[in-house]
C-alpha atoms as a PDB file:
ATOM      1  CA  MET A   1       5.499   2.733 -27.403  1.00  0.00           C
ATOM      2  CA  ILE A   2       6.129   5.507 -24.430  1.00  0.00           C
ATOM      3  CA  LYS A   3      10.007   6.297 -23.763  1.00  0.00           C
ATOM      4  CA  VAL A   4      10.314   6.895 -19.961  1.00  0.00           C
ATOM      5  CA  TYR A   5      13.603   8.484 -18.381  1.00  0.00           C
ATOM      6  CA  LEU A   6      13.932   7.473 -14.402  1.00  0.00           C
ATOM      7  CA  VAL A   7      15.630   9.909 -12.057  1.00  0.00           C
ATOM      8  CA  ASP A   8      16.250   9.000  -8.492  1.00  0.00           C
ATOM      9  CA  ASP A   9      19.504   9.262  -6.587  1.00  0.00           C
ATOM     10  CA  HIS A  10      18.492   5.568  -5.168  1.00  0.00           C
ATOM     11  CA  GLU A  11      19.453   2.953  -7.493  1.00  0.00           C
ATOM     12  CA  ILE A  12      16.912   0.267  -5.690  1.00  0.00           C
ATOM     13  CA  VAL A  13      14.559   2.635  -6.215  1.00  0.00           C
ATOM     14  CA  ARG A  14      15.106   3.129 -10.301  1.00  0.00           C
ATOM     15  CA  THR A  15      15.630  -0.676 -10.270  1.00  0.00           C
ATOM     16  CA  GLY A  16      12.115  -1.464  -8.967  1.00  0.00           C
ATOM     17  CA  ILE A  17      10.386   1.199 -11.285  1.00  0.00           C
ATOM     18  CA  ARG A  18      12.390  -0.337 -14.637  1.00  0.00           C
ATOM     19  CA  ARG A  19      10.869  -3.618 -13.828  1.00  0.00           C
ATOM     20  CA  ILE A  20       7.616  -2.588 -12.915  1.00  0.00           C
ATOM     21  CA  LEU A  21       7.453  -0.786 -16.425  1.00  0.00           C
ATOM     22  CA  GLU A  22       9.422  -3.653 -18.200  1.00  0.00           C
ATOM     23  CA  ASP A  23       6.333  -5.532 -17.644  1.00  0.00           C
ATOM     24  CA  GLU A  24       4.265  -3.546 -19.660  1.00  0.00           C
ATOM     25  CA  LYS A  25       4.522  -3.563 -23.437  1.00  0.00           C
ATOM     26  CA  SER A  26       3.836   0.019 -24.112  1.00  0.00           C
ATOM     27  CA  PHE A  27       6.822   1.399 -21.924  1.00  0.00           C
ATOM     28  CA  ASP A  28      10.502   1.752 -22.859  1.00  0.00           C
ATOM     29  CA  VAL A  29      13.069   2.953 -20.445  1.00  0.00           C
ATOM     30  CA  VAL A  30      15.768   4.989 -22.292  1.00  0.00           C
ATOM     31  CA  GLY A  31      17.569   5.797 -19.363  1.00  0.00           C
ATOM     32  CA  GLU A  32      18.272   7.090 -16.142  1.00  0.00           C
ATOM     33  CA  ALA A  33      19.986   9.057 -13.877  1.00  0.00           C
ATOM     34  CA  PRO A  34      21.297   9.060  -9.898  1.00  0.00           C
ATOM     35  CA  ASP A  35      20.857  12.957  -9.915  1.00  0.00           C
ATOM     36  CA  GLY A  36      19.406  16.189 -11.200  1.00  0.00           C
ATOM     37  CA  GLU A  37      22.757  17.499 -12.820  1.00  0.00           C
ATOM     38  CA  THR A  38      23.071  13.941 -14.828  1.00  0.00           C
ATOM     39  CA  ALA A  39      19.136  14.207 -15.911  1.00  0.00           C
ATOM     40  CA  VAL A  40      19.544  17.744 -17.214  1.00  0.00           C
ATOM     41  CA  ALA A  41      22.787  16.909 -19.421  1.00  0.00           C
ATOM     42  CA  TRP A  42      20.941  13.724 -20.750  1.00  0.00           C
ATOM     43  CA  ALA A  43      17.747  15.829 -21.654  1.00  0.00           C
ATOM     44  CA  ARG A  44      20.097  18.485 -23.328  1.00  0.00           C
ATOM     45  CA  GLN A  45      20.966  15.522 -26.333  1.00  0.00           C
ATOM     46  CA  ASN A  46      18.108  12.946 -25.792  1.00  0.00           C
ATOM     47  CA  GLU A  47      14.313  12.818 -25.752  1.00  0.00           C
ATOM     48  CA  ALA A  48      11.755  11.142 -23.630  1.00  0.00           C
ATOM     49  CA  ASP A  49       8.082  11.320 -23.447  1.00  0.00           C
ATOM     50  CA  VAL A  50       7.634  11.079 -19.622  1.00  0.00           C
ATOM     51  CA  ILE A  51      10.612  11.700 -16.896  1.00  0.00           C
ATOM     52  CA  LEU A  52      10.003  10.610 -13.195  1.00  0.00           C
ATOM     53  CA  MET A  53      11.724  12.715 -11.070  1.00  0.00           C
ATOM     54  CA  ASP A  54      12.806  12.502  -7.511  1.00  0.00           C
ATOM     55  CA  MET A  55      12.059  15.589  -5.416  1.00  0.00           C
ATOM     56  CA  ASN A  56      15.230  15.389  -3.106  1.00  0.00           C
ATOM     57  CA  MET A  57      18.505  14.304  -4.193  1.00  0.00           C
ATOM     58  CA  PRO A  58      22.223  15.403  -3.467  1.00  0.00           C
ATOM     59  CA  GLY A  59      23.048  18.658  -5.452  1.00  0.00           C
ATOM     60  CA  MET A  60      20.556  19.378  -8.018  1.00  0.00           C
ATOM     61  CA  GLY A  61      17.131  18.985  -6.580  1.00  0.00           C
ATOM     62  CA  GLY A  62      14.164  17.915  -8.764  1.00  0.00           C
ATOM     63  CA  LEU A  63      12.392  21.313  -8.425  1.00  0.00           C
ATOM     64  CA  GLU A  64      15.477  22.911 -10.414  1.00  0.00           C
ATOM     65  CA  ALA A  65      15.592  19.537 -12.561  1.00  0.00           C
ATOM     66  CA  THR A  66      12.648  20.082 -13.782  1.00  0.00           C
ATOM     67  CA  LYS A  67      12.689  23.683 -14.611  1.00  0.00           C
ATOM     68  CA  LYS A  68      15.967  23.079 -16.711  1.00  0.00           C
ATOM     69  CA  ILE A  69      14.673  20.276 -18.537  1.00  0.00           C
ATOM     70  CA  MET A  70      11.539  21.915 -19.763  1.00  0.00           C
ATOM     71  CA  ARG A  71      13.655  24.446 -21.226  1.00  0.00           C
ATOM     72  CA  TYR A  72      15.801  21.905 -23.258  1.00  0.00           C
ATOM     73  CA  GLN A  73      12.850  19.795 -23.684  1.00  0.00           C
ATOM     74  CA  PRO A  74       9.215  21.924 -23.518  1.00  0.00           C
ATOM     75  CA  HIS A  75       7.193  18.908 -24.677  1.00  0.00           C
ATOM     76  CA  VAL A  76       8.191  16.192 -22.336  1.00  0.00           C
ATOM     77  CA  LYS A  77       6.163  15.508 -19.379  1.00  0.00           C
ATOM     78  CA  ILE A  78       7.499  15.150 -15.823  1.00  0.00           C
ATOM     79  CA  ILE A  79       6.136  13.138 -12.768  1.00  0.00           C
ATOM     80  CA  VAL A  80       7.675  14.012  -9.661  1.00  0.00           C
ATOM     81  CA  LEU A  81       7.888  10.895  -7.669  1.00  0.00           C
ATOM     82  CA  THR A  82       8.754  11.503  -3.940  1.00  0.00           C
ATOM     83  CA  THR A  83       8.151  10.961  -0.265  1.00  0.00           C
ATOM     84  CA  HIS A  84       7.157  14.431   0.163  1.00  0.00           C
ATOM     85  CA  ALA A  85       3.026  14.870  -0.094  1.00  0.00           C
ATOM     86  CA  GLU A  86       2.629  18.254   1.915  1.00  0.00           C
ATOM     87  CA  ASP A  87       2.322  21.806   0.518  1.00  0.00           C
ATOM     88  CA  PRO A  88       4.010  23.980  -0.809  1.00  0.00           C
ATOM     89  CA  LEU A  89       6.158  21.226  -2.848  1.00  0.00           C
ATOM     90  CA  PRO A  90       3.178  19.877  -5.082  1.00  0.00           C
ATOM     91  CA  ILE A  91       2.001  23.232  -5.995  1.00  0.00           C
ATOM     92  CA  LYS A  92       5.971  24.795  -6.460  1.00  0.00           C
ATOM     93  CA  VAL A  93       6.281  21.306  -8.730  1.00  0.00           C
ATOM     94  CA  MET A  94       3.364  22.151 -11.050  1.00  0.00           C
ATOM     95  CA  GLN A  95       4.239  25.479 -11.647  1.00  0.00           C
ATOM     96  CA  ALA A  96       7.702  24.508 -12.482  1.00  0.00           C
ATOM     97  CA  GLY A  97       6.010  22.596 -15.361  1.00  0.00           C
ATOM     98  CA  ALA A  98       5.612  18.990 -14.194  1.00  0.00           C
ATOM     99  CA  SER A  99       2.699  17.269 -15.223  1.00  0.00           C
ATOM    100  CA  GLY A 100       2.398  14.833 -12.384  1.00  0.00           C
ATOM    101  CA  TYR A 101       2.685  14.218  -8.880  1.00  0.00           C
ATOM    102  CA  LEU A 102       3.044  10.802  -6.709  1.00  0.00           C
ATOM    103  CA  THR A 103       4.342   9.715  -3.470  1.00  0.00           C
ATOM    104  CA  LYS A 104       6.227   6.791  -3.368  1.00  0.00           C
ATOM    105  CA  ASN A 105       3.715   4.812  -1.604  1.00  0.00           C
ATOM    106  CA  SER A 106       2.054   4.553  -4.861  1.00  0.00           C
ATOM    107  CA  SER A 107       1.256   1.314  -5.814  1.00  0.00           C
ATOM    108  CA  PRO A 108       2.414   0.146  -9.329  1.00  0.00           C
ATOM    109  CA  THR A 109      -0.512   0.396 -11.178  1.00  0.00           C
ATOM    110  CA  GLU A 110      -0.746   3.828 -10.128  1.00  0.00           C
ATOM    111  CA  VAL A 111       2.696   4.857 -11.323  1.00  0.00           C
ATOM    112  CA  VAL A 112       1.949   2.819 -14.789  1.00  0.00           C
ATOM    113  CA  ASN A 113      -1.521   4.632 -14.865  1.00  0.00           C
ATOM    114  CA  ALA A 114       0.165   8.192 -14.494  1.00  0.00           C
ATOM    115  CA  ILE A 115       2.718   7.589 -16.994  1.00  0.00           C
ATOM    116  CA  ARG A 116      -0.264   6.874 -19.500  1.00  0.00           C
ATOM    117  CA  GLN A 117      -2.485  10.007 -18.687  1.00  0.00           C
ATOM    118  CA  VAL A 118       0.429  12.432 -18.651  1.00  0.00           C
ATOM    119  CA  ALA A 119       1.731  10.776 -22.245  1.00  0.00           C
ATOM    120  CA  HIS A 120      -1.696  11.794 -23.514  1.00  0.00           C
ATOM    121  CA  GLY A 121      -1.546  15.127 -22.475  1.00  0.00           C
ATOM    122  CA  GLN A 122      -3.296  15.199 -19.248  1.00  0.00           C
ATOM    123  CA  ARG A 123      -2.320  15.787 -15.534  1.00  0.00           C
ATOM    124  CA  TYR A 124      -2.209  13.588 -12.467  1.00  0.00           C
ATOM    125  CA  LEU A 125      -2.147  14.296  -8.992  1.00  0.00           C
ATOM    126  CA  ALA A 126      -2.467  11.121  -6.281  1.00  0.00           C
ATOM    127  CA  PRO A 127      -5.697  11.075  -4.721  1.00  0.00           C
ATOM    128  CA  ASP A 128      -4.523  12.181  -1.294  1.00  0.00           C
ATOM    129  CA  ILE A 129      -2.511  15.124  -2.716  1.00  0.00           C
ATOM    130  CA  ALA A 130      -5.267  16.443  -4.351  1.00  0.00           C
ATOM    131  CA  GLN A 131      -7.557  16.262  -1.654  1.00  0.00           C
ATOM    132  CA  LYS A 132      -4.808  17.987   0.605  1.00  0.00           C
ATOM    133  CA  MET A 133      -4.475  20.687  -2.419  1.00  0.00           C
ATOM    134  CA  ALA A 134      -8.228  21.062  -2.258  1.00  0.00           C
ATOM    135  CA  LEU A 135      -8.292  21.255   1.870  1.00  0.00           C
ATOM    136  CA  ASN A 136      -5.938  23.601   1.919  1.00  0.00           C
ATOM    137  CA  GLN A 137      -7.658  26.105  -0.364  1.00  0.00           C
ATOM    138  CA  VAL A 138     -10.673  26.213   1.839  1.00  0.00           C
ATOM    139  CA  SER A 139      -9.095  26.241   5.098  1.00  0.00           C
ATOM    140  CA  HIS A 140      -5.925  28.248   6.591  1.00  0.00           C
ATOM    141  CA  SER A 141      -6.490  26.860  10.309  1.00  0.00           C
ATOM    142  CA  ASP A 142      -3.041  25.369  10.208  1.00  0.00           C
ATOM    143  CA  GLU A 143      -1.034  27.337   7.254  1.00  0.00           C
ATOM    144  CA  ASN A 144       2.095  25.885   5.907  1.00  0.00           C
ATOM    145  CA  PRO A 145       4.901  28.849   6.591  1.00  0.00           C
ATOM    146  CA  PHE A 146       6.636  27.482   3.631  1.00  0.00           C
ATOM    147  CA  THR A 147       3.816  28.319   1.301  1.00  0.00           C
ATOM    148  CA  SER A 148       4.936  32.042   1.747  1.00  0.00           C
ATOM    149  CA  LEU A 149       8.677  31.036   0.370  1.00  0.00           C
ATOM    150  CA  SER A 150       9.611  31.672  -3.477  1.00  0.00           C
ATOM    151  CA  GLU A 151      10.813  28.952  -5.674  1.00  0.00           C
ATOM    152  CA  ARG A 152      14.599  29.983  -5.246  1.00  0.00           C
ATOM    153  CA  GLU A 153      13.970  30.275  -1.449  1.00  0.00           C
ATOM    154  CA  LEU A 154      12.250  27.076  -1.183  1.00  0.00           C
ATOM    155  CA  GLN A 155      15.237  25.479  -3.574  1.00  0.00           C
ATOM    156  CA  ILE A 156      17.814  26.989  -1.078  1.00  0.00           C
ATOM    157  CA  MET A 157      15.733  25.403   1.960  1.00  0.00           C
ATOM    158  CA  MET A 158      15.796  22.101   0.845  1.00  0.00           C
ATOM    159  CA  MET A 159      19.255  22.334   0.213  1.00  0.00           C
ATOM    160  CA  ILE A 160      20.339  23.679   3.585  1.00  0.00           C
ATOM    161  CA  THR A 161      17.971  21.219   5.177  1.00  0.00           C
ATOM    162  CA  ASN A 162      20.127  18.611   3.404  1.00  0.00           C
ATOM    163  CA  GLY A 163      23.066  19.638   4.833  1.00  0.00           C
ATOM    164  CA  GLU A 164      24.950  21.474   2.042  1.00  0.00           C
ATOM    165  CA  LYS A 165      27.174  24.473   2.850  1.00  0.00           C
ATOM    166  CA  VAL A 166      26.679  27.885   1.497  1.00  0.00           C
ATOM    167  CA  ASN A 167      29.785  27.492  -1.015  1.00  0.00           C
ATOM    168  CA  ASP A 168      28.408  24.443  -2.649  1.00  0.00           C
ATOM    169  CA  ILE A 169      24.805  25.884  -3.010  1.00  0.00           C
ATOM    170  CA  SER A 170      26.556  28.756  -4.492  1.00  0.00           C
ATOM    171  CA  GLU A 171      28.557  26.780  -6.593  1.00  0.00           C
ATOM    172  CA  ARG A 172      25.676  24.583  -7.845  1.00  0.00           C
ATOM    173  CA  LEU A 173      23.496  27.784  -8.521  1.00  0.00           C
ATOM    174  CA  ASN A 174      26.067  30.164  -9.860  1.00  0.00           C
ATOM    175  CA  LEU A 175      25.231  32.572  -7.022  1.00  0.00           C
ATOM    176  CA  SER A 176      27.609  34.353  -5.136  1.00  0.00           C
ATOM    177  CA  PRO A 177      28.159  33.442  -1.279  1.00  0.00           C
ATOM    178  CA  LYS A 178      26.503  36.654  -0.230  1.00  0.00           C
ATOM    179  CA  THR A 179      23.672  36.361  -2.663  1.00  0.00           C
ATOM    180  CA  VAL A 180      22.897  32.644  -1.125  1.00  0.00           C
ATOM    181  CA  ASN A 181      23.241  34.112   2.401  1.00  0.00           C
ATOM    182  CA  SER A 182      20.678  36.664   1.744  1.00  0.00           C
ATOM    183  CA  TYR A 183      18.445  34.295   0.899  1.00  0.00           C
ATOM    184  CA  ARG A 184      18.992  32.501   3.866  1.00  0.00           C
ATOM    185  CA  TYR A 185      18.152  35.219   6.308  1.00  0.00           C
ATOM    186  CA  ARG A 186      15.150  36.438   4.218  1.00  0.00           C
ATOM    187  CA  LEU A 187      14.118  32.263   4.886  1.00  0.00           C
ATOM    188  CA  PHE A 188      14.911  32.993   8.683  1.00  0.00           C
ATOM    189  CA  ASP A 189      12.944  36.331   8.338  1.00  0.00           C
ATOM    190  CA  LYS A 190       9.799  34.447   6.649  1.00  0.00           C
ATOM    191  CA  LEU A 191       9.553  31.674   8.760  1.00  0.00           C
ATOM    192  CA  ASN A 192      10.299  33.520  12.037  1.00  0.00           C
ATOM    193  CA  ILE A 193      13.348  31.460  12.715  1.00  0.00           C
ATOM    194  CA  SER A 194      17.347  32.087  13.662  1.00  0.00           C
ATOM    195  CA  GLY A 195      19.101  29.640  12.404  1.00  0.00           C
ATOM    196  CA  ASP A 196      19.857  26.517  10.354  1.00  0.00           C
ATOM    197  CA  VAL A 197      18.780  23.953  13.076  1.00  0.00           C
ATOM    198  CA  GLU A 198      15.403  25.854  13.829  1.00  0.00           C
ATOM    199  CA  LEU A 199      15.048  25.743   9.589  1.00  0.00           C
ATOM    200  CA  THR A 200      15.574  21.863   9.771  1.00  0.00           C
ATOM    201  CA  ARG A 201      13.225  20.893  12.467  1.00  0.00           C
ATOM    202  CA  LEU A 202      10.326  23.325  11.095  1.00  0.00           C
ATOM    203  CA  ALA A 203      10.975  21.366   7.806  1.00  0.00           C
ATOM    204  CA  ILE A 204      10.436  18.022   9.152  1.00  0.00           C
ATOM    205  CA  ARG A 205       7.465  19.393  11.460  1.00  0.00           C
ATOM    206  CA  TYR A 206       5.804  20.479   8.159  1.00  0.00           C
ATOM    207  CA  LYS A 207       7.126  17.068   6.295  1.00  0.00           C
ATOM    208  CA  ILE A 208       8.846  18.670   3.880  1.00  0.00           C
ATOM    209  CA  LEU A 209      12.547  17.032   4.989  1.00  0.00           C
ATOM    210  CA  ASP A 210      12.362  12.961   4.456  1.00  0.00           C
ATOM    211  CA  THR A 211      13.746  11.955   7.701  1.00  0.00           C
ATOM    212  CA  THR A 212      14.210   8.411   6.445  1.00  0.00           C
ATOM    213  CA  GLN A 213      17.145   9.461   4.496  1.00  0.00           C
ATOM    214  CA  PHE A 214      19.311   9.738   7.859  1.00  0.00           C
END
């Protein structure tokens, strides 16, 4: 029996995935969480074979939650299930320790197969994501500027574009507001922009920001 834990801030998404997995005799959904903080707290006291993790959630996002959960459950397999298919997110997530990456337009069959595959020690990338990653390795004609960001910069960028304020970010990440602002200005410099509005527009342009949530 493969024990699966679900993390997504939309209850309807969790319910849909739970129903898909409950139709499969080899899966046991052992719990679910609406945010990264809850998932990390659960992982400190419980175990799962596979965690399905949303990327873009209020508060602690999927990237940071993945990194923290891997500290408590180094053998757990995490599959990111998200609307984001563009670089650099798949690469960053896999570097953080995830075993799989799926988009939310994946079929139920693909989700089931991905869980089985990573539960048996393999990695899984949705075919469209794998193709984009391969193409980006050989072509830099339209290089995504976000690939230049570090994991921390990418994390703070996603929190800013989700409307979180500097003080909220500093509290969640245990950083001083001054340090968070330093990251902000470093983002602006790397991306050649001048403020949060331009940052949001750029994130939308490169499909880093999921506009369907607004």
